[in-house]
N, C-alpha and C. Protein backbone atom coordinates (compact mmCIF):
# COMPACT_ATOMS: atom_id res chain seq x y z
N MET A 1 119.23 139.06 162.60
CA MET A 1 120.29 139.05 163.60
C MET A 1 119.49 138.70 164.74
N TYR A 2 118.36 139.30 164.84
CA TYR A 2 117.46 138.91 166.22
C TYR A 2 117.29 137.44 166.35
N ALA A 3 116.77 136.84 165.34
CA ALA A 3 116.29 135.56 165.18
C ALA A 3 117.59 134.40 165.35
N LEU A 4 118.66 135.05 164.70
CA LEU A 4 120.02 134.04 164.51
C LEU A 4 120.51 134.10 166.09
N TRP A 5 120.87 135.16 166.64
CA TRP A 5 121.49 135.02 167.94
C TRP A 5 121.08 136.13 169.04
N GLY A 6 120.32 137.22 168.40
CA GLY A 6 119.91 138.06 169.31
C GLY A 6 119.01 137.73 170.44
N LYS A 7 117.87 137.16 169.93
CA LYS A 7 116.85 136.47 170.85
C LYS A 7 117.41 135.74 171.99
N ALA A 8 118.43 134.69 171.75
CA ALA A 8 118.80 133.87 172.61
C ALA A 8 119.58 134.56 173.85
N TRP A 9 120.41 135.55 173.28
CA TRP A 9 121.37 136.37 174.23
C TRP A 9 120.51 137.31 175.21
N LEU A 10 119.33 137.80 174.54
CA LEU A 10 118.39 138.54 175.26
C LEU A 10 117.57 137.73 176.28
N ASP A 11 117.07 136.59 175.76
CA ASP A 11 116.41 135.69 176.80
C ASP A 11 117.32 135.22 178.01
N ARG A 12 118.57 135.08 177.73
CA ARG A 12 119.33 134.67 179.06
C ARG A 12 119.57 135.93 179.79
N GLY A 13 119.92 136.98 179.27
CA GLY A 13 120.22 138.19 179.98
C GLY A 13 118.97 138.59 180.66
N LEU A 14 117.82 138.57 180.21
CA LEU A 14 116.63 139.01 180.92
C LEU A 14 116.34 137.84 182.08
N ALA A 15 116.58 136.51 181.87
CA ALA A 15 116.34 135.58 182.80
C ALA A 15 117.30 135.65 183.98
N ALA A 16 118.65 136.04 183.51
CA ALA A 16 119.36 136.25 184.56
C ALA A 16 119.03 137.33 185.64
N LEU A 17 118.64 138.55 185.02
CA LEU A 17 118.21 139.80 185.61
C LEU A 17 116.96 139.38 186.63
N VAL A 18 115.98 138.65 186.06
CA VAL A 18 114.78 138.43 186.98
C VAL A 18 115.20 137.58 188.08
N LEU A 19 116.09 136.59 187.77
CA LEU A 19 116.41 135.70 188.98
C LEU A 19 117.02 136.45 190.08
N VAL A 20 117.96 137.60 189.70
CA VAL A 20 118.65 138.14 190.62
C VAL A 20 117.68 139.21 191.32
N LEU A 21 117.02 140.28 190.53
CA LEU A 21 116.00 141.18 191.12
C LEU A 21 114.90 140.60 191.94
N ALA A 22 114.48 139.46 191.33
CA ALA A 22 113.31 138.71 191.92
C ALA A 22 113.55 137.64 193.03
N ALA A 23 114.83 137.63 193.37
CA ALA A 23 114.97 136.62 194.30
C ALA A 23 114.25 136.52 195.48
N PRO A 24 113.88 137.78 196.26
CA PRO A 24 112.94 137.72 197.53
C PRO A 24 111.69 137.17 197.16
N VAL A 25 111.22 137.76 195.90
CA VAL A 25 109.75 136.98 195.59
C VAL A 25 109.84 135.36 195.30
N PHE A 26 111.03 135.02 194.84
CA PHE A 26 111.25 133.70 194.65
C PHE A 26 111.17 132.89 196.07
N ALA A 27 111.83 133.77 197.01
CA ALA A 27 112.11 133.04 198.43
C ALA A 27 110.58 132.99 198.99
N LEU A 28 109.79 134.07 198.96
CA LEU A 28 108.57 134.33 199.60
C LEU A 28 107.48 133.16 199.05
N LEU A 29 107.41 133.04 197.51
CA LEU A 29 106.76 132.06 196.87
C LEU A 29 107.05 130.59 197.50
N ALA A 30 108.23 130.25 197.36
CA ALA A 30 108.87 128.93 197.86
C ALA A 30 108.18 128.93 199.32
N LEU A 31 108.35 129.66 200.20
CA LEU A 31 107.80 129.38 201.54
C LEU A 31 106.31 129.27 201.55
N ALA A 32 105.67 130.33 200.74
CA ALA A 32 104.27 129.94 200.59
C ALA A 32 103.78 128.62 200.34
N VAL A 33 104.45 128.25 199.25
CA VAL A 33 104.07 126.85 198.67
C VAL A 33 104.44 125.64 199.84
N LEU A 34 105.65 125.85 200.47
CA LEU A 34 105.91 124.86 201.61
C LEU A 34 104.94 124.95 202.68
N LEU A 35 104.55 126.00 202.97
CA LEU A 35 103.48 126.04 204.19
C LEU A 35 102.11 125.62 203.72
N ALA A 36 101.70 126.03 202.52
CA ALA A 36 100.45 125.54 201.87
C ALA A 36 100.34 124.27 201.35
N LEU A 37 101.24 123.66 200.88
CA LEU A 37 101.29 122.43 200.19
C LEU A 37 102.42 121.40 200.65
N GLY A 38 103.33 121.77 201.15
CA GLY A 38 104.48 121.01 201.67
C GLY A 38 105.47 120.69 200.63
N ARG A 39 106.17 119.65 200.79
CA ARG A 39 107.20 119.27 199.82
C ARG A 39 106.84 118.40 198.73
N PRO A 40 107.32 118.35 197.54
CA PRO A 40 108.44 119.27 197.07
C PRO A 40 107.70 120.72 196.65
N ILE A 41 108.68 121.68 196.74
CA ILE A 41 108.26 122.96 196.33
C ILE A 41 108.05 123.06 194.67
N LEU A 42 108.84 122.66 194.10
CA LEU A 42 108.80 122.72 192.63
C LEU A 42 108.13 121.56 191.99
N PHE A 43 107.43 121.77 191.04
CA PHE A 43 106.79 120.71 190.02
C PHE A 43 107.96 120.59 188.93
N ARG A 44 108.04 119.23 188.71
CA ARG A 44 108.84 119.01 187.45
C ARG A 44 108.26 117.87 186.49
N GLN A 45 108.29 118.23 185.20
CA GLN A 45 107.75 117.25 184.21
C GLN A 45 108.50 117.52 183.00
N ARG A 46 108.40 116.55 182.35
CA ARG A 46 109.37 116.28 181.01
C ARG A 46 108.26 116.87 179.94
N ARG A 47 108.87 117.87 179.20
CA ARG A 47 108.19 118.61 178.15
C ARG A 47 109.15 118.54 176.88
N ALA A 48 108.44 118.61 175.80
CA ALA A 48 109.15 118.60 174.54
C ALA A 48 109.78 120.16 174.21
N GLY A 49 110.92 120.14 173.73
CA GLY A 49 111.52 121.42 173.50
C GLY A 49 111.83 121.47 171.94
N ARG A 50 112.70 122.17 171.53
CA ARG A 50 112.94 122.45 170.12
C ARG A 50 113.22 121.08 169.50
N HIS A 51 112.44 121.07 168.33
CA HIS A 51 112.63 119.76 167.57
C HIS A 51 112.24 118.60 168.16
N GLY A 52 111.36 118.66 169.50
CA GLY A 52 110.97 117.71 170.21
C GLY A 52 111.84 116.99 171.41
N ALA A 53 112.96 117.73 171.35
CA ALA A 53 113.92 117.15 172.40
C ALA A 53 113.48 117.32 173.89
N PRO A 54 113.58 116.60 174.59
CA PRO A 54 112.92 116.57 176.08
C PRO A 54 113.72 117.34 176.83
N PHE A 55 113.02 118.06 177.83
CA PHE A 55 113.75 118.75 178.87
C PHE A 55 112.84 118.71 180.16
N THR A 56 113.41 119.04 181.32
CA THR A 56 112.57 118.95 182.54
C THR A 56 112.01 120.42 182.87
N LEU A 57 110.84 120.82 182.66
CA LEU A 57 110.15 122.25 183.20
C LEU A 57 110.01 122.22 184.58
N LEU A 58 110.22 123.51 184.83
CA LEU A 58 110.19 123.67 186.37
C LEU A 58 109.05 124.81 186.69
N LYS A 59 108.20 124.40 187.76
CA LYS A 59 107.23 125.17 188.14
C LYS A 59 107.18 125.41 189.64
N PHE A 60 106.53 126.34 190.07
CA PHE A 60 105.99 126.24 191.74
C PHE A 60 105.00 125.35 191.65
N ARG A 61 104.79 124.44 192.74
CA ARG A 61 103.69 123.40 192.66
C ARG A 61 102.58 124.16 193.24
N SER A 62 101.46 123.82 192.50
CA SER A 62 100.16 124.54 192.96
C SER A 62 99.17 123.47 193.33
N MET A 63 99.35 122.18 193.34
CA MET A 63 98.43 121.14 193.67
C MET A 63 99.07 120.30 194.72
N HIS A 64 98.08 119.69 195.73
CA HIS A 64 98.32 118.67 196.54
C HIS A 64 99.19 117.37 195.67
N GLU A 65 99.78 116.75 196.39
CA GLU A 65 100.12 115.24 195.67
C GLU A 65 98.94 114.30 195.62
N GLY A 66 99.17 113.35 194.76
CA GLY A 66 98.32 112.38 194.79
C GLY A 66 97.67 112.24 193.32
N GLU A 67 96.83 111.06 193.31
CA GLU A 67 96.34 110.62 192.12
C GLU A 67 94.62 111.36 191.80
N ALA A 68 94.28 112.04 192.91
CA ALA A 68 93.01 112.65 192.73
C ALA A 68 92.60 113.50 191.50
N PRO A 69 91.59 113.91 190.92
CA PRO A 69 91.57 114.75 189.92
C PRO A 69 92.11 116.03 190.28
N ASP A 70 92.23 116.91 189.32
CA ASP A 70 93.04 118.20 189.48
C ASP A 70 92.05 119.03 190.32
N ALA A 71 90.71 119.17 190.40
CA ALA A 71 89.81 119.88 191.02
C ALA A 71 89.98 119.63 192.48
N ALA A 72 90.04 118.37 192.71
CA ALA A 72 90.20 117.89 194.25
C ALA A 72 91.64 118.38 194.95
N ARG A 73 92.69 118.44 194.00
CA ARG A 73 93.99 118.65 194.65
C ARG A 73 94.40 120.24 194.32
N LEU A 74 93.61 120.89 193.89
CA LEU A 74 93.85 122.35 193.66
C LEU A 74 93.24 123.24 194.85
N SER A 75 94.00 123.70 195.53
CA SER A 75 93.64 124.73 196.67
C SER A 75 93.24 126.05 196.29
N ARG A 76 92.76 126.80 197.24
CA ARG A 76 92.55 128.14 197.00
C ARG A 76 93.90 128.96 196.57
N PHE A 77 94.95 128.67 197.38
CA PHE A 77 96.12 129.23 197.19
C PHE A 77 96.51 128.71 195.75
N GLY A 78 96.44 127.56 195.37
CA GLY A 78 96.73 127.03 194.13
C GLY A 78 96.27 127.80 193.11
N ARG A 79 94.80 127.86 193.13
CA ARG A 79 94.33 128.52 192.01
C ARG A 79 94.69 129.98 191.92
N TRP A 80 94.85 130.78 193.06
CA TRP A 80 95.65 132.18 192.89
C TRP A 80 96.83 132.11 192.36
N LEU A 81 97.80 130.98 192.55
CA LEU A 81 99.09 131.09 192.02
C LEU A 81 98.89 130.81 190.63
N ARG A 82 98.20 129.94 190.27
CA ARG A 82 98.15 129.82 188.68
C ARG A 82 97.51 131.19 188.01
N ALA A 83 96.53 131.52 188.37
CA ALA A 83 95.90 132.68 187.91
C ALA A 83 96.99 133.90 187.73
N SER A 84 97.79 133.95 188.57
CA SER A 84 98.61 135.06 188.66
C SER A 84 99.99 134.64 187.79
N GLY A 85 100.01 133.51 187.26
CA GLY A 85 101.17 133.33 186.71
C GLY A 85 102.47 133.12 187.26
N LEU A 86 102.43 133.24 188.48
CA LEU A 86 103.67 133.34 189.38
C LEU A 86 104.22 131.86 189.49
N ASP A 87 103.39 130.79 189.28
CA ASP A 87 103.90 129.60 189.37
C ASP A 87 104.77 129.16 188.19
N GLU A 88 105.10 130.04 187.30
CA GLU A 88 106.01 129.79 185.88
C GLU A 88 107.21 130.40 186.21
N LEU A 89 107.36 131.17 187.19
CA LEU A 89 108.55 131.95 187.51
C LEU A 89 109.84 131.08 187.48
N PRO A 90 109.80 129.80 187.97
CA PRO A 90 111.20 129.01 188.01
C PRO A 90 111.60 128.59 186.60
N GLN A 91 110.47 128.91 185.52
CA GLN A 91 111.20 128.51 184.17
C GLN A 91 111.92 129.73 183.84
N MET A 92 112.48 130.63 184.45
CA MET A 92 113.60 131.44 184.14
C MET A 92 114.73 130.66 184.23
N ILE A 93 114.84 129.66 185.09
CA ILE A 93 115.90 128.65 185.08
C ILE A 93 116.01 127.92 183.86
N ASN A 94 115.14 127.59 183.31
CA ASN A 94 114.94 126.83 181.95
C ASN A 94 115.52 127.64 180.88
N ILE A 95 115.02 128.91 180.87
CA ILE A 95 115.37 130.00 180.06
C ILE A 95 116.94 130.13 179.99
N LEU A 96 117.55 130.22 181.24
CA LEU A 96 118.89 130.37 181.39
C LEU A 96 119.79 129.31 181.03
N ARG A 97 119.21 128.19 181.10
CA ARG A 97 119.79 126.77 180.51
C ARG A 97 119.93 126.77 179.20
N GLY A 98 119.15 127.55 178.39
CA GLY A 98 118.93 127.36 176.97
C GLY A 98 117.93 126.44 176.57
N GLU A 99 116.90 125.99 177.34
CA GLU A 99 115.95 124.84 177.06
C GLU A 99 114.67 125.78 176.67
N MET A 100 114.48 127.12 177.01
CA MET A 100 113.16 127.69 176.48
C MET A 100 113.61 129.14 176.25
N SER A 101 112.62 129.97 175.72
CA SER A 101 112.66 131.23 175.38
C SER A 101 111.71 132.10 176.20
N LEU A 102 111.83 133.27 176.25
CA LEU A 102 110.80 134.14 176.84
C LEU A 102 109.51 133.98 176.13
N VAL A 103 109.69 134.11 174.62
CA VAL A 103 108.37 134.22 173.82
C VAL A 103 108.67 132.95 172.76
N GLY A 104 107.67 132.20 172.79
CA GLY A 104 107.44 130.98 171.86
C GLY A 104 106.27 130.41 172.37
N PRO A 105 106.07 129.11 171.52
CA PRO A 105 104.86 128.26 171.94
C PRO A 105 105.15 127.70 173.25
N ARG A 106 104.01 127.31 174.11
CA ARG A 106 104.34 126.97 175.45
C ARG A 106 104.75 125.48 175.35
N PRO A 107 105.69 124.95 175.95
CA PRO A 107 106.16 123.40 175.94
C PRO A 107 105.06 122.53 176.49
N LEU A 108 104.99 121.51 175.55
CA LEU A 108 103.97 120.53 176.12
C LEU A 108 104.43 119.31 176.36
N PRO A 109 103.74 118.20 177.20
CA PRO A 109 104.23 117.11 177.46
C PRO A 109 104.63 116.28 176.43
N CYS A 110 105.82 115.41 176.53
CA CYS A 110 106.17 114.80 175.29
C CYS A 110 105.44 114.01 174.66
N ASP A 111 104.56 113.19 175.29
CA ASP A 111 103.51 112.36 174.97
C ASP A 111 102.66 112.90 173.79
N TYR A 112 102.66 114.45 173.83
CA TYR A 112 101.50 115.00 172.91
C TYR A 112 102.35 115.20 171.55
N THR A 113 103.63 115.07 171.66
CA THR A 113 104.03 115.17 170.12
C THR A 113 103.46 114.42 168.94
N SER A 114 103.18 112.96 169.26
CA SER A 114 102.69 112.27 168.30
C SER A 114 101.40 112.49 167.85
N LEU A 115 100.61 113.47 168.57
CA LEU A 115 99.26 113.70 168.41
C LEU A 115 99.22 114.91 167.60
N PHE A 116 100.28 115.87 166.98
CA PHE A 116 100.19 116.89 166.20
C PHE A 116 99.87 116.40 164.79
N SER A 117 99.09 117.34 164.04
CA SER A 117 98.86 117.18 162.81
C SER A 117 100.50 117.83 162.02
N ALA A 118 100.49 117.60 160.85
CA ALA A 118 101.73 118.40 160.22
C ALA A 118 101.68 119.90 160.45
N THR A 119 100.80 120.63 160.44
CA THR A 119 100.74 122.10 160.62
C THR A 119 100.86 122.41 162.09
N GLU A 120 100.41 121.54 162.97
CA GLU A 120 100.50 121.77 164.33
C GLU A 120 102.07 121.39 164.89
N ALA A 121 102.72 120.57 164.16
CA ALA A 121 104.00 119.95 164.65
C ALA A 121 105.01 121.17 164.31
N ARG A 122 104.63 122.19 163.53
CA ARG A 122 105.59 123.30 163.16
C ARG A 122 105.88 124.10 164.42
N ARG A 123 105.19 123.90 165.51
CA ARG A 123 105.50 124.55 166.84
C ARG A 123 106.88 124.09 167.23
N LEU A 124 107.27 122.83 166.98
CA LEU A 124 108.47 122.24 167.50
C LEU A 124 109.56 122.86 166.68
N TRP A 125 109.44 123.58 165.75
CA TRP A 125 110.62 124.36 164.81
C TRP A 125 111.27 125.29 165.71
N VAL A 126 110.50 125.91 166.74
CA VAL A 126 111.41 127.02 167.34
C VAL A 126 111.34 126.53 168.93
N MET A 127 112.17 127.59 169.62
CA MET A 127 112.11 127.23 171.07
C MET A 127 110.90 127.59 171.76
N PRO A 128 110.57 126.61 172.73
CA PRO A 128 109.25 126.79 173.29
C PRO A 128 109.41 128.05 174.26
N GLY A 129 108.38 128.76 174.85
CA GLY A 129 108.59 129.98 175.47
C GLY A 129 107.70 130.06 176.69
N LEU A 130 108.01 131.06 177.46
CA LEU A 130 107.12 131.47 178.80
C LEU A 130 105.93 132.15 178.15
N PHE A 131 106.11 133.03 177.17
CA PHE A 131 105.09 133.65 176.76
C PHE A 131 104.73 132.99 175.38
N GLY A 132 103.55 133.35 174.79
CA GLY A 132 103.30 133.17 173.31
C GLY A 132 101.98 133.78 172.74
N LEU A 133 101.91 133.51 171.36
CA LEU A 133 100.46 134.00 170.92
C LEU A 133 99.32 133.48 171.44
N ALA A 134 99.30 132.09 171.84
CA ALA A 134 98.23 131.64 172.36
C ALA A 134 97.92 131.94 173.81
N GLN A 135 99.03 132.33 174.47
CA GLN A 135 98.71 132.89 175.70
C GLN A 135 98.11 134.34 175.79
N ALA A 136 98.80 135.16 174.84
CA ALA A 136 98.11 136.20 174.67
C ALA A 136 96.78 136.45 174.24
N ALA A 137 96.27 135.28 173.44
CA ALA A 137 94.93 135.26 172.94
C ALA A 137 94.10 134.73 174.06
N GLY A 138 94.39 134.31 175.07
CA GLY A 138 93.59 133.83 176.09
C GLY A 138 93.83 132.72 177.16
N ARG A 139 95.24 132.20 176.83
CA ARG A 139 95.79 131.09 177.75
C ARG A 139 95.14 129.95 177.66
N ASN A 140 94.73 129.38 178.81
CA ASN A 140 94.01 127.92 178.78
C ASN A 140 92.72 127.88 178.45
N ALA A 141 91.96 129.54 178.50
CA ALA A 141 90.57 129.30 178.23
C ALA A 141 90.32 129.10 176.77
N LEU A 142 91.47 128.96 175.88
CA LEU A 142 91.29 128.87 174.48
C LEU A 142 91.02 127.40 174.27
N PRO A 143 90.20 126.77 173.14
CA PRO A 143 90.05 125.34 172.91
C PRO A 143 91.53 125.00 172.30
N TRP A 144 91.87 123.53 172.41
CA TRP A 144 93.14 123.03 172.03
C TRP A 144 93.35 123.49 170.58
N SER A 145 92.38 123.36 169.73
CA SER A 145 92.57 123.82 168.32
C SER A 145 93.08 125.08 167.98
N ARG A 146 92.48 125.98 168.74
CA ARG A 146 92.98 127.38 168.57
C ARG A 146 94.37 127.57 169.23
N ARG A 147 94.67 127.14 170.22
CA ARG A 147 95.88 127.10 170.80
C ARG A 147 97.00 126.59 170.05
N LEU A 148 96.96 125.41 169.32
CA LEU A 148 97.84 125.05 168.49
C LEU A 148 97.93 125.57 167.15
N ALA A 149 96.88 126.30 166.83
CA ALA A 149 96.83 127.12 165.52
C ALA A 149 97.67 128.45 165.74
N CYS A 150 97.35 129.13 166.98
CA CYS A 150 98.33 130.17 167.22
C CYS A 150 99.73 129.95 167.29
N ASP A 151 99.91 128.86 168.00
CA ASP A 151 101.53 128.24 167.85
C ASP A 151 102.05 128.19 166.38
N ALA A 152 101.46 127.59 165.49
CA ALA A 152 101.65 127.40 164.08
C ALA A 152 101.97 128.80 163.40
N GLN A 153 101.03 129.79 163.67
CA GLN A 153 100.88 130.98 163.09
C GLN A 153 102.19 131.79 163.75
N TYR A 154 102.53 131.64 164.97
CA TYR A 154 103.80 132.20 165.44
C TYR A 154 105.18 131.84 164.76
N VAL A 155 105.07 130.79 164.48
CA VAL A 155 106.22 130.07 163.56
C VAL A 155 106.19 130.59 162.04
N ARG A 156 104.82 130.57 161.55
CA ARG A 156 104.79 130.92 160.21
C ARG A 156 105.12 132.53 159.83
N GLN A 157 104.95 133.02 160.95
CA GLN A 157 105.27 134.64 160.90
C GLN A 157 106.67 134.91 161.00
N GLY A 158 107.54 134.07 161.48
CA GLY A 158 108.71 134.14 161.66
C GLY A 158 109.13 134.87 163.12
N VAL A 159 110.26 134.76 163.56
CA VAL A 159 110.80 135.19 164.77
C VAL A 159 111.11 136.87 164.68
N GLN A 160 110.44 137.58 165.21
CA GLN A 160 110.66 139.05 165.06
C GLN A 160 110.56 139.76 166.56
N PHE A 161 111.42 140.57 166.67
CA PHE A 161 111.63 141.42 167.92
C PHE A 161 110.29 142.09 168.32
N THR A 162 109.79 142.92 167.36
CA THR A 162 108.62 143.52 167.74
C THR A 162 107.29 142.59 167.93
N THR A 163 107.39 141.63 167.33
CA THR A 163 106.19 140.50 167.69
C THR A 163 106.41 139.92 169.07
N ASP A 164 107.50 139.66 169.48
CA ASP A 164 108.04 139.10 170.70
C ASP A 164 107.62 140.15 171.87
N LEU A 165 107.94 141.49 171.50
CA LEU A 165 107.66 142.44 172.59
C LEU A 165 106.23 142.76 172.69
N LYS A 166 105.44 142.84 171.49
CA LYS A 166 104.12 142.90 171.82
C LYS A 166 103.42 141.65 172.64
N LEU A 167 103.88 140.67 172.20
CA LEU A 167 103.13 139.45 172.93
C LEU A 167 103.67 139.23 174.35
N SER A 168 104.87 139.75 174.85
CA SER A 168 105.05 139.81 176.05
C SER A 168 104.27 140.73 176.94
N LEU A 169 104.21 141.91 176.29
CA LEU A 169 103.21 142.78 176.92
C LEU A 169 101.92 142.61 177.11
N ALA A 170 101.26 141.88 176.21
CA ALA A 170 99.91 141.46 176.01
C ALA A 170 99.72 140.22 177.30
N CYS A 171 100.70 139.17 177.23
CA CYS A 171 100.66 138.22 178.32
C CYS A 171 100.82 138.85 179.54
N CYS A 172 101.68 139.89 179.89
CA CYS A 172 101.53 140.34 181.20
C CYS A 172 100.26 141.12 181.51
N ALA A 173 99.66 141.71 180.59
CA ALA A 173 98.57 142.55 180.91
C ALA A 173 97.45 141.51 181.34
N LEU A 174 97.43 140.30 180.52
CA LEU A 174 96.35 139.32 180.96
C LEU A 174 96.68 138.63 182.22
N LEU A 175 98.08 138.39 182.64
CA LEU A 175 98.33 137.71 183.84
C LEU A 175 97.88 138.79 184.85
N LEU A 176 97.99 140.32 184.84
CA LEU A 176 97.58 141.17 185.88
C LEU A 176 96.10 140.95 186.05
N ARG A 177 95.46 140.54 185.01
CA ARG A 177 93.98 140.62 185.35
C ARG A 177 93.50 139.18 185.89
N GLY A 178 94.39 138.26 185.72
CA GLY A 178 94.26 137.08 186.15
C GLY A 178 93.27 136.08 185.40
N HIS A 179 93.25 136.32 184.01
CA HIS A 179 92.46 135.89 183.07
C HIS A 179 93.05 134.67 182.49
N GLY A 180 92.25 133.70 182.03
CA GLY A 180 92.73 132.48 181.19
C GLY A 180 93.42 131.45 181.83
N ALA A 181 93.31 131.25 183.18
CA ALA A 181 94.34 130.23 183.87
C ALA A 181 93.60 128.98 183.68
N THR A 182 92.17 128.98 183.53
CA THR A 182 91.58 127.49 183.27
C THR A 182 90.72 127.57 182.14
N MET A 183 90.64 126.19 181.62
CA MET A 183 89.80 125.90 180.55
C MET A 183 88.24 125.80 181.00
N PRO A 184 87.16 126.30 180.29
CA PRO A 184 85.68 126.37 180.79
C PRO A 184 85.52 124.80 181.09
N GLY A 185 84.89 124.75 182.35
CA GLY A 185 84.37 123.29 182.42
C GLY A 185 85.57 122.42 183.14
N HIS A 186 86.68 122.97 183.54
CA HIS A 186 87.77 122.20 183.89
C HIS A 186 88.45 123.18 185.01
N ALA A 187 89.07 122.41 185.93
CA ALA A 187 89.83 123.03 187.12
C ALA A 187 91.19 123.83 186.50
N THR A 188 91.83 123.03 185.45
CA THR A 188 93.01 123.63 184.89
C THR A 188 92.66 123.62 183.45
N SER A 189 93.15 122.55 182.79
CA SER A 189 92.71 122.49 181.19
C SER A 189 92.66 120.82 180.88
N ALA A 190 91.87 120.63 179.82
CA ALA A 190 91.57 119.20 179.57
C ALA A 190 92.94 118.81 178.84
N ARG A 191 93.11 117.54 178.96
CA ARG A 191 94.39 117.05 178.16
C ARG A 191 94.18 116.95 176.76
N LEU A 192 95.05 117.01 175.74
CA LEU A 192 94.87 117.09 174.32
C LEU A 192 94.38 115.68 173.97
N ASP A 193 95.06 114.73 174.53
CA ASP A 193 94.40 113.21 173.99
C ASP A 193 93.31 112.81 174.32
N ASP A 194 92.70 113.50 175.61
CA ASP A 194 91.35 113.29 175.95
C ASP A 194 90.56 114.02 175.09
N VAL A 195 90.83 115.20 174.63
CA VAL A 195 90.16 115.81 173.60
C VAL A 195 89.95 115.24 172.23
N LEU A 196 90.94 114.98 171.75
CA LEU A 196 90.90 114.12 170.57
C LEU A 196 90.13 112.73 170.56
N ALA A 197 90.26 112.06 171.78
CA ALA A 197 89.59 110.96 171.92
C ALA A 197 88.05 111.07 171.91
N GLN A 198 87.65 112.35 172.50
CA GLN A 198 86.23 112.51 172.32
C GLN A 198 85.65 112.88 170.84
N GLY A 199 86.44 113.01 169.89
CA GLY A 199 86.01 113.27 168.62
C GLY A 199 85.81 114.82 168.39
N VAL A 200 86.36 115.88 169.03
CA VAL A 200 86.26 117.17 168.98
C VAL A 200 87.14 117.48 167.83
N ALA A 201 86.03 118.21 166.73
CA ALA A 201 86.67 118.63 165.54
C ALA A 201 87.52 119.73 165.68
N PRO A 202 88.54 120.09 164.74
CA PRO A 202 89.29 121.17 164.71
C PRO A 202 88.47 122.51 164.36
N VAL A 203 88.55 123.60 164.65
CA VAL A 203 87.88 124.80 164.45
C VAL A 203 88.54 125.71 163.64
N MET A 204 90.00 125.61 163.33
CA MET A 204 90.75 126.51 162.77
C MET A 204 91.24 125.89 161.49
N PRO A 205 91.31 126.61 160.59
CA PRO A 205 91.74 126.14 159.11
C PRO A 205 93.43 125.55 159.22
N GLY A 206 93.45 124.63 158.48
CA GLY A 206 94.87 124.00 158.55
C GLY A 206 95.13 123.07 159.61
N LEU A 207 94.06 122.75 160.07
CA LEU A 207 94.42 121.59 161.27
C LEU A 207 93.68 120.35 161.12
N LYS A 208 93.60 120.00 159.72
CA LYS A 208 92.98 118.70 159.39
C LYS A 208 94.20 117.75 159.87
N ARG A 209 93.50 116.51 160.36
CA ARG A 209 94.47 115.47 161.06
C ARG A 209 94.35 114.20 159.89
C-alpha cells in the first residue's frame, strides 16, 4: 500500500507542511541569496524524472552567474549553503507537483541518461528523491560508480516505509554535520561524462558497461 499510493500522499502532505511551516526560512534564504549573489534567486535545471521524463528542478542559487569553473563562482556563502543542504529546500515544490519524492535516487541532468548501464538505468524506475541511499552513504563525496550502485540497490530492495524513514534520518544527520557536499578534488562534483571520458573503471559489481 505504501509503494502504490501511500508514499505519494505522504510526500505531498509533508512537502506542503514544510512549505507552510518553513516559510520564514525560505524568505530569509531568498534574501540572503539576493544580497550575496543577486538575481536570479532560484537555480533551475532540467533533470530526468521517473522513466526519464524531464522536469525543471528548483534550488536556491549557490554560485555566481557566468562560464567560469565552479571553484571560481562558488562563494563562501555558497559553500555554506550547499554543505547545509538548505539550497535544496525549493524542491519541496517539485515534490508537491508530483515530480519528485522525499526519498529516491537524486535526479540527474537529462544528458546523463544515455550514459547509464542497464543496471544503473534502474534508478529511473522510481520517482527521484530529495534524500536517497547514495546521499545517506556520503552524498557527493562518493565516486560516481558507488552513487549509481546505491541508486540501483534502492530500487532492487523495493520501496518500503521503514527504509525511507531510515534514509531520511541518516541524510538529516549527515546534513547537520555538513559532510559530503563536495567530491574530493572538486569544488562541487565532477560531471559523470567527464569521469567516463577519463576511463575511470567501475568499482562496484554489476556496473559493467
